[in-house]
Amino acid sequence: MRTRSSFWRTAILFASVLLLPVLRGSSGELDEKIYDEAADGKKQISEALAKAKKDHKRVFLQFGTNPCILCHRLHKLYATDKAIGEELKSDYILVMIDMSGEHNDKVDKKYGNPTKNGFPADVILDENGKQLTINSTDDWVESNQYLPAKVLAFLKEWGKNS
């Protein structure tokens, strides 16, 4: 004979199995670790600036976390949209700054707390480290998906030839 608590345990387990893909995004969307959770953002930026100076590119800082579904969707767009990928490759050094703990809080603060309104948040630097802009990416999203035309327009606006 089933008890009430046994019934509710089974019901909750069943509901969790059904809802987990919805809460996490599509199946496997969060499986890849796009941010190095142990990385020192200050060191990442220093290395990127050295490369940007040599290659005459901008530095594109993307602040976020591995559990952030929109961070993953934006990162996937970088890899799958040909025009965006080409623009990133030709004009930018992309730096993924992990904000899951407090280890990069000083980096966030240095660039005007771009993460104050959530993730992902972007900062563009010139090859000398001068901050050019901050962007929350909110205006790139519609129905929880990124609009490639808006992302590309932003990259072109702030690219090395702008």
N, C-alpha and C. Protein backbone atom coordinates (compact mmCIF):
# COMPACT_ATOMS: atom_id res chain seq x y z
N MET A 1 0.84 -1.18 0.00
CA MET A 1 0.00 0.00 0.00
C MET A 1 0.89 1.25 0.00
N ARG A 2 0.51 2.19 -0.83
CA ARG A 2 1.28 3.43 -0.97
C ARG A 2 0.84 4.46 0.06
N THR A 3 1.82 5.14 0.63
CA THR A 3 1.49 6.20 1.58
C THR A 3 1.44 7.52 0.81
N ARG A 4 0.86 8.53 1.45
CA ARG A 4 0.80 9.84 0.82
C ARG A 4 2.18 10.42 0.54
N SER A 5 3.10 10.27 1.48
CA SER A 5 4.44 10.83 1.27
C SER A 5 5.14 10.12 0.12
N SER A 6 4.91 8.83 -0.02
CA SER A 6 5.49 8.09 -1.13
C SER A 6 4.92 8.60 -2.46
N PHE A 7 3.62 8.86 -2.49
CA PHE A 7 2.99 9.39 -3.69
C PHE A 7 3.60 10.74 -4.08
N TRP A 8 3.73 11.64 -3.10
CA TRP A 8 4.27 12.97 -3.38
C TRP A 8 5.73 12.91 -3.79
N ARG A 9 6.50 12.03 -3.17
CA ARG A 9 7.89 11.87 -3.57
C ARG A 9 7.99 11.44 -5.04
N THR A 10 7.16 10.49 -5.41
CA THR A 10 7.14 10.00 -6.79
C THR A 10 6.68 11.11 -7.74
N ALA A 11 5.64 11.85 -7.35
CA ALA A 11 5.12 12.93 -8.19
C ALA A 11 6.17 14.03 -8.38
N ILE A 12 6.87 14.39 -7.33
CA ILE A 12 7.91 15.43 -7.40
C ILE A 12 9.07 14.96 -8.27
N LEU A 13 9.47 13.71 -8.10
CA LEU A 13 10.55 13.17 -8.91
C LEU A 13 10.15 13.17 -10.39
N PHE A 14 8.94 12.74 -10.69
CA PHE A 14 8.45 12.70 -12.06
C PHE A 14 8.40 14.12 -12.66
N ALA A 15 7.88 15.07 -11.90
CA ALA A 15 7.79 16.45 -12.38
C ALA A 15 9.19 17.04 -12.60
N SER A 16 10.12 16.72 -11.72
CA SER A 16 11.49 17.21 -11.86
C SER A 16 12.14 16.70 -13.13
N VAL A 17 11.93 15.43 -13.42
CA VAL A 17 12.50 14.84 -14.64
C VAL A 17 11.92 15.52 -15.87
N LEU A 18 10.63 15.82 -15.84
CA LEU A 18 9.99 16.47 -16.98
C LEU A 18 10.41 17.93 -17.11
N LEU A 19 10.57 18.63 -16.00
CA LEU A 19 10.85 20.07 -16.04
C LEU A 19 12.33 20.41 -16.15
N LEU A 20 13.22 19.51 -15.82
CA LEU A 20 14.65 19.82 -15.83
C LEU A 20 15.12 20.37 -17.17
N PRO A 21 14.77 19.75 -18.32
CA PRO A 21 15.22 20.34 -19.59
C PRO A 21 14.68 21.75 -19.82
N VAL A 22 13.48 22.04 -19.35
CA VAL A 22 12.90 23.37 -19.51
C VAL A 22 13.66 24.38 -18.66
N LEU A 23 13.95 24.01 -17.43
CA LEU A 23 14.64 24.92 -16.52
C LEU A 23 16.09 25.14 -16.92
N ARG A 24 16.72 24.13 -17.49
CA ARG A 24 18.13 24.22 -17.89
C ARG A 24 18.31 24.72 -19.31
N GLY A 25 17.27 24.79 -20.07
CA GLY A 25 17.40 25.09 -21.49
C GLY A 25 17.32 23.78 -22.24
N SER A 26 17.59 23.79 -23.52
CA SER A 26 17.53 22.57 -24.31
C SER A 26 18.51 21.55 -23.77
N SER A 27 18.26 20.34 -24.11
CA SER A 27 19.10 19.25 -23.67
C SER A 27 20.57 19.53 -23.95
N GLY A 28 21.38 19.54 -22.91
CA GLY A 28 22.81 19.70 -23.07
C GLY A 28 23.30 21.13 -23.27
N GLU A 29 22.41 22.10 -23.26
CA GLU A 29 22.82 23.48 -23.53
C GLU A 29 23.84 24.01 -22.54
N LEU A 30 23.80 23.51 -21.32
CA LEU A 30 24.71 24.00 -20.29
C LEU A 30 25.84 23.03 -19.97
N ASP A 31 25.98 21.99 -20.76
CA ASP A 31 26.99 20.97 -20.47
C ASP A 31 28.42 21.49 -20.63
N GLU A 32 28.66 22.28 -21.66
CA GLU A 32 30.00 22.78 -21.92
C GLU A 32 30.36 23.88 -20.92
N LYS A 33 31.58 23.83 -20.44
CA LYS A 33 32.09 24.88 -19.55
C LYS A 33 32.74 25.96 -20.43
N ILE A 34 32.02 27.03 -20.70
CA ILE A 34 32.54 28.08 -21.57
C ILE A 34 33.41 29.08 -20.80
N TYR A 35 33.26 29.11 -19.49
CA TYR A 35 34.08 29.97 -18.64
C TYR A 35 34.99 29.11 -17.79
N ASP A 36 36.25 29.52 -17.67
CA ASP A 36 37.19 28.84 -16.79
C ASP A 36 36.99 29.43 -15.39
N GLU A 37 36.39 28.65 -14.52
CA GLU A 37 36.01 29.14 -13.20
C GLU A 37 37.20 29.43 -12.29
N ALA A 38 38.37 28.97 -12.67
CA ALA A 38 39.57 29.23 -11.87
C ALA A 38 40.43 30.34 -12.45
N ALA A 39 40.05 30.84 -13.62
CA ALA A 39 40.90 31.82 -14.31
C ALA A 39 40.88 33.18 -13.63
N ASP A 40 42.04 33.81 -13.63
CA ASP A 40 42.22 35.16 -13.12
C ASP A 40 41.92 36.13 -14.27
N GLY A 41 40.81 36.84 -14.16
CA GLY A 41 40.39 37.76 -15.22
C GLY A 41 41.43 38.81 -15.54
N LYS A 42 42.11 39.30 -14.53
CA LYS A 42 43.13 40.32 -14.75
C LYS A 42 44.25 39.77 -15.64
N LYS A 43 44.66 38.55 -15.38
CA LYS A 43 45.70 37.90 -16.19
C LYS A 43 45.19 37.62 -17.60
N GLN A 44 43.94 37.16 -17.72
CA GLN A 44 43.35 36.91 -19.04
C GLN A 44 43.37 38.18 -19.89
N ILE A 45 42.99 39.29 -19.28
CA ILE A 45 42.91 40.56 -19.99
C ILE A 45 44.31 41.04 -20.38
N SER A 46 45.26 40.90 -19.48
CA SER A 46 46.65 41.29 -19.77
C SER A 46 47.18 40.53 -20.98
N GLU A 47 46.95 39.23 -21.02
CA GLU A 47 47.41 38.40 -22.14
C GLU A 47 46.69 38.80 -23.44
N ALA A 48 45.39 39.07 -23.33
CA ALA A 48 44.62 39.47 -24.52
C ALA A 48 45.08 40.82 -25.04
N LEU A 49 45.39 41.74 -24.15
CA LEU A 49 45.86 43.07 -24.58
C LEU A 49 47.20 42.97 -25.30
N ALA A 50 48.08 42.11 -24.83
CA ALA A 50 49.37 41.92 -25.51
C ALA A 50 49.15 41.41 -26.93
N LYS A 51 48.25 40.45 -27.08
CA LYS A 51 47.94 39.90 -28.41
C LYS A 51 47.22 40.94 -29.27
N ALA A 52 46.30 41.69 -28.67
CA ALA A 52 45.55 42.72 -29.41
C ALA A 52 46.48 43.81 -29.93
N LYS A 53 47.44 44.19 -29.12
CA LYS A 53 48.40 45.22 -29.54
C LYS A 53 49.22 44.73 -30.73
N LYS A 54 49.64 43.48 -30.65
CA LYS A 54 50.44 42.89 -31.72
C LYS A 54 49.62 42.75 -33.02
N ASP A 55 48.35 42.34 -32.86
CA ASP A 55 47.49 42.07 -34.02
C ASP A 55 46.60 43.24 -34.42
N HIS A 56 46.68 44.34 -33.67
CA HIS A 56 45.85 45.54 -33.92
C HIS A 56 44.36 45.19 -33.91
N LYS A 57 43.93 44.63 -32.77
CA LYS A 57 42.53 44.24 -32.60
C LYS A 57 41.97 44.86 -31.32
N ARG A 58 40.67 44.78 -31.18
CA ARG A 58 39.98 45.16 -29.95
C ARG A 58 39.96 43.95 -29.01
N VAL A 59 39.74 44.22 -27.74
CA VAL A 59 39.55 43.14 -26.77
C VAL A 59 38.09 43.16 -26.36
N PHE A 60 37.45 42.03 -26.51
CA PHE A 60 36.02 41.87 -26.21
C PHE A 60 35.92 41.05 -24.93
N LEU A 61 35.55 41.70 -23.84
CA LEU A 61 35.37 41.01 -22.56
C LEU A 61 33.92 40.59 -22.43
N GLN A 62 33.69 39.32 -22.21
CA GLN A 62 32.34 38.84 -21.93
C GLN A 62 32.32 38.28 -20.51
N PHE A 63 31.58 38.96 -19.64
CA PHE A 63 31.43 38.53 -18.25
C PHE A 63 30.22 37.62 -18.15
N GLY A 64 30.35 36.49 -17.45
CA GLY A 64 29.22 35.59 -17.28
C GLY A 64 29.57 34.42 -16.39
N THR A 65 28.70 33.42 -16.41
CA THR A 65 28.89 32.21 -15.60
C THR A 65 28.47 30.99 -16.41
N ASN A 66 28.98 29.84 -16.02
CA ASN A 66 28.60 28.61 -16.72
C ASN A 66 27.12 28.24 -16.58
N PRO A 67 26.45 28.53 -15.46
CA PRO A 67 25.02 28.22 -15.38
C PRO A 67 24.11 29.20 -16.13
N CYS A 68 24.67 30.23 -16.75
CA CYS A 68 23.89 31.27 -17.43
C CYS A 68 23.50 30.79 -18.83
N ILE A 69 22.22 30.52 -19.05
CA ILE A 69 21.74 30.00 -20.33
C ILE A 69 21.96 31.01 -21.45
N LEU A 70 21.75 32.30 -21.18
CA LEU A 70 21.97 33.30 -22.23
C LEU A 70 23.45 33.44 -22.59
N CYS A 71 24.32 33.22 -21.62
CA CYS A 71 25.76 33.22 -21.92
C CYS A 71 26.09 32.11 -22.91
N HIS A 72 25.52 30.93 -22.67
CA HIS A 72 25.75 29.79 -23.55
C HIS A 72 25.15 30.04 -24.94
N ARG A 73 23.98 30.62 -24.99
CA ARG A 73 23.34 30.88 -26.29
C ARG A 73 24.14 31.90 -27.10
N LEU A 74 24.67 32.91 -26.43
CA LEU A 74 25.48 33.90 -27.13
C LEU A 74 26.78 33.26 -27.61
N HIS A 75 27.41 32.48 -26.77
CA HIS A 75 28.65 31.80 -27.13
C HIS A 75 28.42 30.86 -28.33
N LYS A 76 27.30 30.17 -28.33
CA LYS A 76 26.96 29.28 -29.45
C LYS A 76 26.77 30.09 -30.73
N LEU A 77 26.15 31.26 -30.62
CA LEU A 77 25.95 32.11 -31.78
C LEU A 77 27.29 32.55 -32.38
N TYR A 78 28.26 32.85 -31.52
CA TYR A 78 29.59 33.21 -32.00
C TYR A 78 30.17 32.09 -32.88
N ALA A 79 29.90 30.85 -32.48
CA ALA A 79 30.47 29.70 -33.18
C ALA A 79 29.67 29.28 -34.41
N THR A 80 28.37 29.56 -34.42
CA THR A 80 27.53 29.04 -35.51
C THR A 80 27.15 30.06 -36.57
N ASP A 81 27.16 31.34 -36.24
CA ASP A 81 26.81 32.36 -37.23
C ASP A 81 28.09 32.78 -37.95
N LYS A 82 28.14 32.51 -39.23
CA LYS A 82 29.37 32.75 -40.01
C LYS A 82 29.81 34.21 -39.98
N ALA A 83 28.89 35.14 -40.19
CA ALA A 83 29.24 36.56 -40.22
C ALA A 83 29.75 37.04 -38.86
N ILE A 84 29.09 36.61 -37.79
CA ILE A 84 29.53 37.00 -36.44
C ILE A 84 30.90 36.40 -36.15
N GLY A 85 31.07 35.13 -36.47
CA GLY A 85 32.36 34.47 -36.26
C GLY A 85 33.49 35.16 -36.99
N GLU A 86 33.24 35.54 -38.24
CA GLU A 86 34.26 36.23 -39.03
C GLU A 86 34.59 37.61 -38.45
N GLU A 87 33.57 38.32 -38.01
CA GLU A 87 33.79 39.65 -37.41
C GLU A 87 34.60 39.53 -36.13
N LEU A 88 34.25 38.56 -35.29
CA LEU A 88 35.01 38.35 -34.06
C LEU A 88 36.46 38.01 -34.38
N LYS A 89 36.66 37.10 -35.31
CA LYS A 89 38.01 36.65 -35.65
C LYS A 89 38.86 37.78 -36.23
N SER A 90 38.26 38.62 -37.07
CA SER A 90 39.05 39.66 -37.73
C SER A 90 39.31 40.87 -36.85
N ASP A 91 38.40 41.20 -35.94
CA ASP A 91 38.52 42.46 -35.20
C ASP A 91 38.75 42.34 -33.69
N TYR A 92 38.57 41.16 -33.13
CA TYR A 92 38.55 41.05 -31.67
C TYR A 92 39.39 39.89 -31.13
N ILE A 93 39.80 40.07 -29.87
CA ILE A 93 40.30 38.98 -29.04
C ILE A 93 39.22 38.80 -27.98
N LEU A 94 38.56 37.66 -27.97
CA LEU A 94 37.47 37.39 -27.03
C LEU A 94 38.03 36.84 -25.72
N VAL A 95 37.60 37.43 -24.61
CA VAL A 95 38.02 37.00 -23.28
C VAL A 95 36.76 36.69 -22.47
N MET A 96 36.64 35.46 -22.03
CA MET A 96 35.48 35.02 -21.24
C MET A 96 35.84 35.13 -19.76
N ILE A 97 35.24 36.10 -19.06
CA ILE A 97 35.55 36.36 -17.65
C ILE A 97 34.49 35.69 -16.77
N ASP A 98 34.93 34.72 -15.98
CA ASP A 98 34.02 34.00 -15.09
C ASP A 98 33.67 34.84 -13.87
N MET A 99 32.37 34.92 -13.57
CA MET A 99 31.91 35.69 -12.42
C MET A 99 31.17 34.82 -11.41
N SER A 100 31.46 33.52 -11.40
CA SER A 100 30.73 32.61 -10.51
C SER A 100 31.11 32.77 -9.04
N GLY A 101 32.26 33.26 -8.77
CA GLY A 101 32.67 33.50 -7.39
C GLY A 101 33.04 34.96 -7.23
N GLU A 102 33.88 35.24 -6.27
CA GLU A 102 34.31 36.63 -6.04
C GLU A 102 35.69 36.91 -6.62
N HIS A 103 36.32 35.91 -7.23
CA HIS A 103 37.71 36.04 -7.67
C HIS A 103 37.91 37.09 -8.77
N ASN A 104 36.86 37.48 -9.50
CA ASN A 104 37.00 38.49 -10.55
C ASN A 104 36.18 39.75 -10.27
N ASP A 105 35.78 39.92 -9.02
CA ASP A 105 35.00 41.11 -8.66
C ASP A 105 35.75 42.42 -8.91
N LYS A 106 37.06 42.41 -8.67
CA LYS A 106 37.85 43.63 -8.90
C LYS A 106 37.90 43.99 -10.38
N VAL A 107 37.92 42.97 -11.23
CA VAL A 107 37.92 43.21 -12.68
C VAL A 107 36.58 43.84 -13.08
N ASP A 108 35.50 43.29 -12.56
CA ASP A 108 34.17 43.83 -12.83
C ASP A 108 34.11 45.30 -12.40
N LYS A 109 34.59 45.56 -11.20
CA LYS A 109 34.57 46.93 -10.67
C LYS A 109 35.43 47.87 -11.52
N LYS A 110 36.59 47.40 -11.96
CA LYS A 110 37.50 48.23 -12.76
C LYS A 110 36.82 48.74 -14.02
N TYR A 111 35.94 47.93 -14.59
CA TYR A 111 35.28 48.31 -15.84
C TYR A 111 33.86 48.84 -15.63
N GLY A 112 33.59 49.36 -14.44
CA GLY A 112 32.32 50.04 -14.18
C GLY A 112 31.16 49.12 -13.82
N ASN A 113 31.47 47.96 -13.27
CA ASN A 113 30.44 46.99 -12.86
C ASN A 113 29.46 46.65 -13.99
N PRO A 114 29.95 46.19 -15.12
CA PRO A 114 29.04 45.87 -16.22
C PRO A 114 28.04 44.77 -15.89
N THR A 115 28.35 43.97 -14.87
CA THR A 115 27.47 42.85 -14.52
C THR A 115 26.34 43.23 -13.58
N LYS A 116 26.24 44.49 -13.23
CA LYS A 116 25.23 44.90 -12.25
C LYS A 116 23.80 44.57 -12.69
N ASN A 117 23.56 44.47 -14.00
CA ASN A 117 22.22 44.14 -14.50
C ASN A 117 22.10 42.71 -14.99
N GLY A 118 23.11 41.89 -14.72
CA GLY A 118 23.03 40.48 -15.08
C GLY A 118 24.06 40.06 -16.11
N PHE A 119 23.93 38.81 -16.52
CA PHE A 119 24.87 38.20 -17.47
C PHE A 119 24.15 37.81 -18.75
N PRO A 120 24.86 37.74 -19.84
CA PRO A 120 26.23 38.19 -20.01
C PRO A 120 26.30 39.71 -20.09
N ALA A 121 27.47 40.22 -19.80
CA ALA A 121 27.74 41.65 -19.93
C ALA A 121 29.05 41.80 -20.68
N ASP A 122 29.12 42.77 -21.56
CA ASP A 122 30.28 42.92 -22.42
C ASP A 122 30.95 44.27 -22.24
N VAL A 123 32.27 44.26 -22.41
CA VAL A 123 33.08 45.47 -22.40
C VAL A 123 34.03 45.37 -23.59
N ILE A 124 34.17 46.46 -24.32
CA ILE A 124 35.11 46.50 -25.43
C ILE A 124 36.26 47.43 -25.06
N LEU A 125 37.48 46.94 -25.26
CA LEU A 125 38.70 47.71 -25.01
C LEU A 125 39.44 47.89 -26.32
N ASP A 126 40.14 49.02 -26.47
CA ASP A 126 41.01 49.14 -27.62
C ASP A 126 42.31 48.39 -27.32
N GLU A 127 43.22 48.36 -28.26
CA GLU A 127 44.44 47.56 -28.10
C GLU A 127 45.35 48.07 -26.98
N ASN A 128 45.10 49.30 -26.52
CA ASN A 128 45.89 49.87 -25.42
C ASN A 128 45.21 49.70 -24.07
N GLY A 129 44.03 49.09 -24.06
CA GLY A 129 43.32 48.85 -22.81
C GLY A 129 42.31 49.92 -22.47
N LYS A 130 42.14 50.91 -23.33
CA LYS A 130 41.15 51.96 -23.07
C LYS A 130 39.75 51.38 -23.26
N GLN A 131 38.91 51.58 -22.26
CA GLN A 131 37.52 51.09 -22.34
C GLN A 131 36.73 51.94 -23.32
N LEU A 132 36.11 51.27 -24.29
CA LEU A 132 35.34 51.98 -25.31
C LEU A 132 33.84 51.96 -25.03
N THR A 133 33.33 50.84 -24.53
CA THR A 133 31.89 50.75 -24.25
C THR A 133 31.60 49.58 -23.32
N ILE A 134 30.40 49.64 -22.72
CA ILE A 134 29.82 48.55 -21.92
C ILE A 134 28.49 48.21 -22.56
N ASN A 135 28.16 46.94 -22.58
CA ASN A 135 26.88 46.52 -23.15
C ASN A 135 26.30 45.37 -22.33
N SER A 136 25.02 45.45 -22.00
CA SER A 136 24.38 44.39 -21.21
C SER A 136 23.84 43.25 -22.07
N THR A 137 23.77 43.39 -23.35
CA THR A 137 23.24 42.44 -24.33
C THR A 137 21.72 42.31 -24.29
N ASP A 138 21.04 43.02 -23.40
CA ASP A 138 19.58 42.92 -23.30
C ASP A 138 18.89 43.28 -24.62
N ASP A 139 19.40 44.27 -25.32
CA ASP A 139 18.76 44.69 -26.57
C ASP A 139 19.05 43.74 -27.74
N TRP A 140 19.86 42.72 -27.52
CA TRP A 140 20.14 41.72 -28.54
C TRP A 140 19.19 40.53 -28.46
N VAL A 141 18.36 40.48 -27.40
CA VAL A 141 17.55 39.29 -27.11
C VAL A 141 16.07 39.54 -27.39
N GLU A 142 15.46 38.52 -27.99
CA GLU A 142 14.01 38.53 -28.19
C GLU A 142 13.53 37.10 -27.98
N SER A 143 12.53 36.93 -27.14
CA SER A 143 11.99 35.60 -26.82
C SER A 143 13.10 34.65 -26.36
N ASN A 144 14.00 35.15 -25.53
CA ASN A 144 15.08 34.36 -24.94
C ASN A 144 16.10 33.85 -25.96
N GLN A 145 16.14 34.45 -27.14
CA GLN A 145 17.10 34.08 -28.18
C GLN A 145 17.81 35.34 -28.67
N TYR A 146 19.07 35.19 -29.04
CA TYR A 146 19.82 36.32 -29.57
C TYR A 146 19.47 36.58 -31.02
N LEU A 147 19.41 37.85 -31.38
CA LEU A 147 19.15 38.27 -32.75
C LEU A 147 20.49 38.52 -33.43
N PRO A 148 20.89 37.64 -34.34
CA PRO A 148 22.20 37.77 -34.97
C PRO A 148 22.48 39.13 -35.58
N ALA A 149 21.49 39.75 -36.20
CA ALA A 149 21.70 41.06 -36.84
C ALA A 149 22.11 42.11 -35.81
N LYS A 150 21.54 42.06 -34.62
CA LYS A 150 21.88 43.04 -33.59
C LYS A 150 23.29 42.80 -33.03
N VAL A 151 23.63 41.52 -32.85
CA VAL A 151 24.97 41.19 -32.36
C VAL A 151 26.01 41.65 -33.38
N LEU A 152 25.77 41.34 -34.64
CA LEU A 152 26.70 41.71 -35.69
C LEU A 152 26.83 43.23 -35.82
N ALA A 153 25.72 43.94 -35.71
CA ALA A 153 25.76 45.41 -35.79
C ALA A 153 26.63 45.98 -34.67
N PHE A 154 26.50 45.44 -33.47
CA PHE A 154 27.32 45.89 -32.34
C PHE A 154 28.79 45.63 -32.63
N LEU A 155 29.13 44.43 -33.09
CA LEU A 155 30.52 44.10 -33.37
C LEU A 155 31.09 45.00 -34.45
N LYS A 156 30.33 45.29 -35.47
CA LYS A 156 30.80 46.17 -36.54
C LYS A 156 30.97 47.60 -36.04
N GLU A 157 30.06 48.03 -35.19
CA GLU A 157 30.12 49.40 -34.65
C GLU A 157 31.40 49.61 -33.84
N TRP A 158 31.81 48.61 -33.06
CA TRP A 158 32.95 48.77 -32.15
C TRP A 158 34.21 48.09 -32.66
N GLY A 159 34.19 47.52 -33.85
CA GLY A 159 35.36 46.84 -34.41
C GLY A 159 36.52 47.77 -34.65
N LYS A 160 37.64 47.21 -35.01
CA LYS A 160 38.89 47.98 -35.15
C LYS A 160 38.82 49.06 -36.22
N ASN A 161 37.91 48.93 -37.17
CA ASN A 161 37.80 49.92 -38.24
C ASN A 161 36.74 50.98 -37.97
N SER A 162 36.17 50.97 -36.77
CA SER A 162 35.11 51.94 -36.48
C SER A 162 35.68 53.27 -36.01
